Amino acid sequence: MENYPIETDKENKIKIKPDLMIKEKLYPFIYENSIYLFFKDENEIINCYEMLDKEVKDNMLKNPDRIIEILEEIHNLKQ
């Protein structure tokens, strides 16, 4: 995806394009069988979190198009 702000380069390293990121929007990224969640906060600082919960991670890996939806479901369950 050429307009997606997170990608891997030719050396298989994660490359971030902060100028393409919208503040406070989550950008999921699958890399080496891990799920990373990137976002740019209101101060334009790039944040990254790795999904460590095995059950949730496995569900996301099986359903990569639903990562945001899965996160929303978890959030709604905790409310």
Protein backbone atom coordinates (compact mmCIF):
# COMPACT_ATOMS: atom_id res chain seq x y z
CA MET A 1 0.00 0.00 0.00
CA GLU A 2 1.77 3.08 -1.18
CA ASN A 3 -0.28 5.50 0.95
CA TYR A 4 -0.05 3.46 4.13
CA PRO A 5 2.43 5.13 6.49
CA ILE A 6 3.98 1.89 7.79
CA GLU A 7 5.83 -0.52 5.53
CA THR A 8 8.92 -2.67 5.27
CA ASP A 9 11.86 -1.67 3.14
CA LYS A 10 14.08 -3.81 0.92
CA GLU A 11 16.07 -4.96 3.95
CA ASN A 12 12.84 -6.03 5.70
CA LYS A 13 13.06 -3.24 8.28
CA ILE A 14 10.00 -1.31 9.37
CA LYS A 15 9.81 2.11 7.79
CA ILE A 16 7.48 4.80 9.15
CA LYS A 17 6.28 7.80 7.15
CA PRO A 18 4.92 10.14 9.82
CA ASP A 19 3.89 12.77 7.28
CA LEU A 20 1.28 10.31 5.98
CA MET A 21 -0.13 9.62 9.45
CA ILE A 22 -3.27 11.24 10.78
CA LYS A 23 -3.07 12.28 14.42
CA GLU A 24 -4.76 9.88 16.86
CA LYS A 25 -5.48 7.29 14.18
CA LEU A 26 -4.37 3.71 14.78
CA TYR A 27 -2.26 1.98 12.14
CA PRO A 28 -2.02 -1.79 12.63
CA PHE A 29 0.97 -3.52 11.09
CA ILE A 30 1.83 -7.22 10.86
CA TYR A 31 5.54 -7.91 10.94
CA GLU A 32 7.28 -11.25 11.44
CA ASN A 33 4.15 -12.84 12.89
CA SER A 34 3.63 -10.01 15.38
CA ILE A 35 1.01 -7.29 15.52
CA TYR A 36 2.16 -3.71 16.03
CA LEU A 37 -0.10 -0.73 16.55
CA PHE A 38 1.29 2.67 15.56
CA PHE A 39 -0.21 6.09 16.06
CA LYS A 40 0.82 9.72 16.08
CA ASP A 41 -0.41 11.59 19.13
CA GLU A 42 -1.54 15.22 19.39
CA ASN A 43 2.10 16.27 19.93
CA GLU A 44 3.07 14.42 16.75
CA ILE A 45 5.04 11.82 18.65
CA ILE A 46 4.93 8.37 17.05
CA ASN A 47 3.85 5.62 19.44
CA CYS A 48 4.12 1.89 18.89
CA TYR A 49 2.63 -0.98 20.85
CA GLU A 50 2.97 -4.69 20.29
CA MET A 51 0.00 -6.99 20.84
CA LEU A 52 1.23 -9.52 23.39
CA ASP A 53 -2.02 -11.25 24.32
CA LYS A 54 -1.67 -14.56 22.46
CA GLU A 55 -5.38 -15.19 21.96
CA VAL A 56 -6.04 -11.69 20.64
CA LYS A 57 -2.89 -11.73 18.50
CA ASP A 58 -3.81 -15.09 16.95
CA ASN A 59 -7.30 -13.81 16.19
CA MET A 60 -5.83 -10.73 14.52
CA LEU A 61 -3.37 -12.77 12.48
CA LYS A 62 -6.24 -14.95 11.25
CA ASN A 63 -8.33 -11.85 10.48
CA PRO A 64 -5.91 -9.10 9.45
CA ASP A 65 -8.64 -6.99 7.86
CA ARG A 66 -10.47 -6.89 11.20
CA ILE A 67 -7.68 -5.75 13.55
CA ILE A 68 -9.32 -2.41 14.38
CA GLU A 69 -12.70 -4.06 14.76
CA ILE A 70 -11.23 -6.68 17.12
CA LEU A 71 -9.69 -3.91 19.23
CA GLU A 72 -13.02 -2.10 19.35
CA GLU A 73 -14.78 -5.29 20.46
CA ILE A 74 -12.27 -5.75 23.29
CA HIS A 75 -12.68 -2.12 24.32
CA ASN A 76 -16.48 -2.44 24.36
CA LEU A 77 -16.30 -5.59 26.49
CA LYS A 78 -14.28 -3.76 29.12
CA GLN A 79 -16.77 -0.91 29.44
